[in-house]
Amino acid sequence: MVVGHVKIDEEDLRDIQFWLDRPVSERIAEVTRLRRAYYSWLLGTYPQHMEKTVTQRKDDI
């Protein structure tokens, strides 16, 4: 087995580049899949409606 050590900054850049190279539809599908998995794990089921969505952080203002 061969193990290569990767700096966390390099790994983050690789992850970002990986997803930027994917088509938008694939990125949206993956975000949707992860969101469904998270809420199903957290609540037991996926909610029919979201109560509130956050599109801007306080620090961004």
N, C-alpha and C. Protein backbone atom coordinates (compact mmCIF):
# COMPACT_ATOMS: atom_id res chain seq x y z
N MET A 1 0.85 -1.17 0.00
CA MET A 1 0.00 0.00 0.00
C MET A 1 0.90 1.24 0.00
N VAL A 2 0.50 2.22 -0.79
CA VAL A 2 1.25 3.47 -0.87
C VAL A 2 0.40 4.58 -0.26
N VAL A 3 1.01 5.36 0.59
CA VAL A 3 0.31 6.47 1.22
C VAL A 3 1.02 7.76 0.86
N GLY A 4 0.26 8.73 0.40
CA GLY A 4 0.83 10.04 0.11
C GLY A 4 0.20 11.07 1.03
N HIS A 5 1.03 11.86 1.66
CA HIS A 5 0.52 12.91 2.54
C HIS A 5 0.17 14.13 1.70
N VAL A 6 -1.00 14.69 1.95
CA VAL A 6 -1.48 15.86 1.22
C VAL A 6 -1.80 16.95 2.23
N LYS A 7 -1.35 18.15 1.96
CA LYS A 7 -1.68 19.28 2.83
C LYS A 7 -3.17 19.58 2.69
N ILE A 8 -3.80 19.98 3.78
CA ILE A 8 -5.24 20.23 3.77
C ILE A 8 -5.61 21.31 2.77
N ASP A 9 -4.78 22.34 2.61
CA ASP A 9 -5.07 23.40 1.64
C ASP A 9 -5.08 22.85 0.22
N GLU A 10 -4.15 21.96 -0.08
CA GLU A 10 -4.09 21.35 -1.41
C GLU A 10 -5.30 20.46 -1.64
N GLU A 11 -5.72 19.74 -0.59
CA GLU A 11 -6.88 18.87 -0.72
C GLU A 11 -8.14 19.69 -0.97
N ASP A 12 -8.30 20.80 -0.26
CA ASP A 12 -9.44 21.68 -0.47
C ASP A 12 -9.47 22.19 -1.89
N LEU A 13 -8.33 22.61 -2.40
CA LEU A 13 -8.27 23.12 -3.77
C LEU A 13 -8.62 22.03 -4.78
N ARG A 14 -8.17 20.81 -4.51
CA ARG A 14 -8.51 19.68 -5.40
C ARG A 14 -10.01 19.41 -5.39
N ASP A 15 -10.61 19.44 -4.19
CA ASP A 15 -12.05 19.23 -4.09
C ASP A 15 -12.82 20.30 -4.85
N ILE A 16 -12.42 21.54 -4.66
CA ILE A 16 -13.09 22.65 -5.35
C ILE A 16 -12.96 22.49 -6.85
N GLN A 17 -11.77 22.20 -7.32
CA GLN A 17 -11.56 22.04 -8.76
C GLN A 17 -12.34 20.86 -9.31
N PHE A 18 -12.40 19.78 -8.54
CA PHE A 18 -13.16 18.60 -8.95
C PHE A 18 -14.61 18.97 -9.23
N TRP A 19 -15.22 19.70 -8.27
CA TRP A 19 -16.64 20.04 -8.43
C TRP A 19 -16.86 21.12 -9.47
N LEU A 20 -15.93 22.04 -9.64
CA LEU A 20 -16.08 23.06 -10.67
C LEU A 20 -15.97 22.46 -12.07
N ASP A 21 -15.27 21.34 -12.19
CA ASP A 21 -15.14 20.66 -13.48
C ASP A 21 -16.38 19.85 -13.84
N ARG A 22 -17.27 19.64 -12.89
CA ARG A 22 -18.50 18.87 -13.14
C ARG A 22 -19.58 19.79 -13.72
N PRO A 23 -20.49 19.22 -14.50
CA PRO A 23 -21.61 20.02 -15.01
C PRO A 23 -22.50 20.52 -13.86
N VAL A 24 -23.14 21.63 -14.08
CA VAL A 24 -24.01 22.23 -13.05
C VAL A 24 -25.08 21.24 -12.61
N SER A 25 -25.66 20.52 -13.54
CA SER A 25 -26.72 19.56 -13.19
C SER A 25 -26.21 18.48 -12.24
N GLU A 26 -24.97 18.05 -12.42
CA GLU A 26 -24.39 17.04 -11.52
C GLU A 26 -24.14 17.63 -10.14
N ARG A 27 -23.71 18.89 -10.08
CA ARG A 27 -23.48 19.53 -8.78
C ARG A 27 -24.79 19.70 -8.03
N ILE A 28 -25.82 20.12 -8.73
CA ILE A 28 -27.13 20.30 -8.09
C ILE A 28 -27.67 18.96 -7.61
N ALA A 29 -27.51 17.92 -8.42
CA ALA A 29 -27.97 16.59 -8.04
C ALA A 29 -27.26 16.11 -6.77
N GLU A 30 -25.97 16.37 -6.66
CA GLU A 30 -25.21 15.94 -5.48
C GLU A 30 -25.62 16.72 -4.24
N VAL A 31 -25.83 18.02 -4.37
CA VAL A 31 -26.28 18.83 -3.23
C VAL A 31 -27.66 18.35 -2.78
N THR A 32 -28.54 18.07 -3.72
CA THR A 32 -29.87 17.57 -3.39
C THR A 32 -29.79 16.23 -2.68
N ARG A 33 -28.94 15.34 -3.17
CA ARG A 33 -28.77 14.02 -2.55
C ARG A 33 -28.26 14.16 -1.11
N LEU A 34 -27.26 15.03 -0.92
CA LEU A 34 -26.71 15.23 0.42
C LEU A 34 -27.73 15.86 1.35
N ARG A 35 -28.49 16.81 0.84
CA ARG A 35 -29.52 17.47 1.67
C ARG A 35 -30.58 16.46 2.10
N ARG A 36 -31.04 15.64 1.17
CA ARG A 36 -32.05 14.62 1.51
C ARG A 36 -31.49 13.62 2.53
N ALA A 37 -30.25 13.20 2.34
CA ALA A 37 -29.64 12.25 3.27
C ALA A 37 -29.51 12.86 4.66
N TYR A 38 -29.10 14.13 4.73
CA TYR A 38 -28.93 14.80 6.02
C TYR A 38 -30.26 14.92 6.76
N TYR A 39 -31.28 15.43 6.10
CA TYR A 39 -32.56 15.62 6.78
C TYR A 39 -33.22 14.29 7.12
N SER A 40 -33.04 13.28 6.27
CA SER A 40 -33.58 11.96 6.58
C SER A 40 -32.90 11.38 7.81
N TRP A 41 -31.60 11.61 7.93
CA TRP A 41 -30.86 11.14 9.10
C TRP A 41 -31.28 11.93 10.34
N LEU A 42 -31.40 13.25 10.20
CA LEU A 42 -31.69 14.12 11.34
C LEU A 42 -33.12 13.96 11.84
N LEU A 43 -34.08 13.97 10.93
CA LEU A 43 -35.49 13.98 11.30
C LEU A 43 -36.19 12.64 11.11
N GLY A 44 -35.55 11.73 10.40
CA GLY A 44 -36.19 10.45 10.10
C GLY A 44 -36.87 10.46 8.74
N THR A 45 -37.29 11.63 8.28
CA THR A 45 -37.90 11.78 6.95
C THR A 45 -37.47 13.12 6.38
N TYR A 46 -37.64 13.27 5.09
CA TYR A 46 -37.32 14.54 4.45
C TYR A 46 -38.54 15.44 4.55
N PRO A 47 -38.38 16.68 5.03
CA PRO A 47 -39.55 17.57 5.20
C PRO A 47 -40.20 17.92 3.86
N GLN A 48 -41.51 18.04 3.88
CA GLN A 48 -42.24 18.39 2.66
C GLN A 48 -41.95 19.84 2.26
N HIS A 49 -41.81 20.72 3.26
CA HIS A 49 -41.51 22.13 3.02
C HIS A 49 -40.42 22.58 3.98
N MET A 50 -39.56 23.46 3.51
CA MET A 50 -38.54 24.05 4.38
C MET A 50 -39.15 25.28 5.04
N GLU A 51 -38.96 25.44 6.34
CA GLU A 51 -39.52 26.58 7.05
C GLU A 51 -38.82 27.87 6.67
N LYS A 52 -37.50 27.82 6.56
CA LYS A 52 -36.74 29.04 6.29
C LYS A 52 -35.45 28.65 5.58
N THR A 53 -35.10 29.40 4.58
CA THR A 53 -33.81 29.17 3.92
C THR A 53 -32.97 30.42 4.09
N VAL A 54 -31.69 30.23 4.30
CA VAL A 54 -30.77 31.34 4.50
C VAL A 54 -29.94 31.50 3.23
N THR A 55 -30.01 32.68 2.64
CA THR A 55 -29.26 32.92 1.41
C THR A 55 -28.12 33.89 1.61
N GLN A 56 -28.05 34.50 2.79
CA GLN A 56 -26.99 35.47 3.05
C GLN A 56 -26.56 35.37 4.51
N ARG A 57 -25.27 35.39 4.74
CA ARG A 57 -24.76 35.36 6.11
C ARG A 57 -24.71 36.77 6.68
N LYS A 58 -24.74 36.89 8.00
CA LYS A 58 -24.67 38.20 8.65
C LYS A 58 -23.41 38.95 8.26
N ASP A 59 -22.28 38.24 8.20
CA ASP A 59 -21.00 38.89 7.91
C ASP A 59 -20.89 39.37 6.47
N ASP A 60 -21.77 38.89 5.57
CA ASP A 60 -21.70 39.28 4.16
C ASP A 60 -22.30 40.66 3.91
N ILE A 61 -23.01 41.20 4.89
CA ILE A 61 -23.70 42.48 4.69
C ILE A 61 -22.73 43.63 4.74
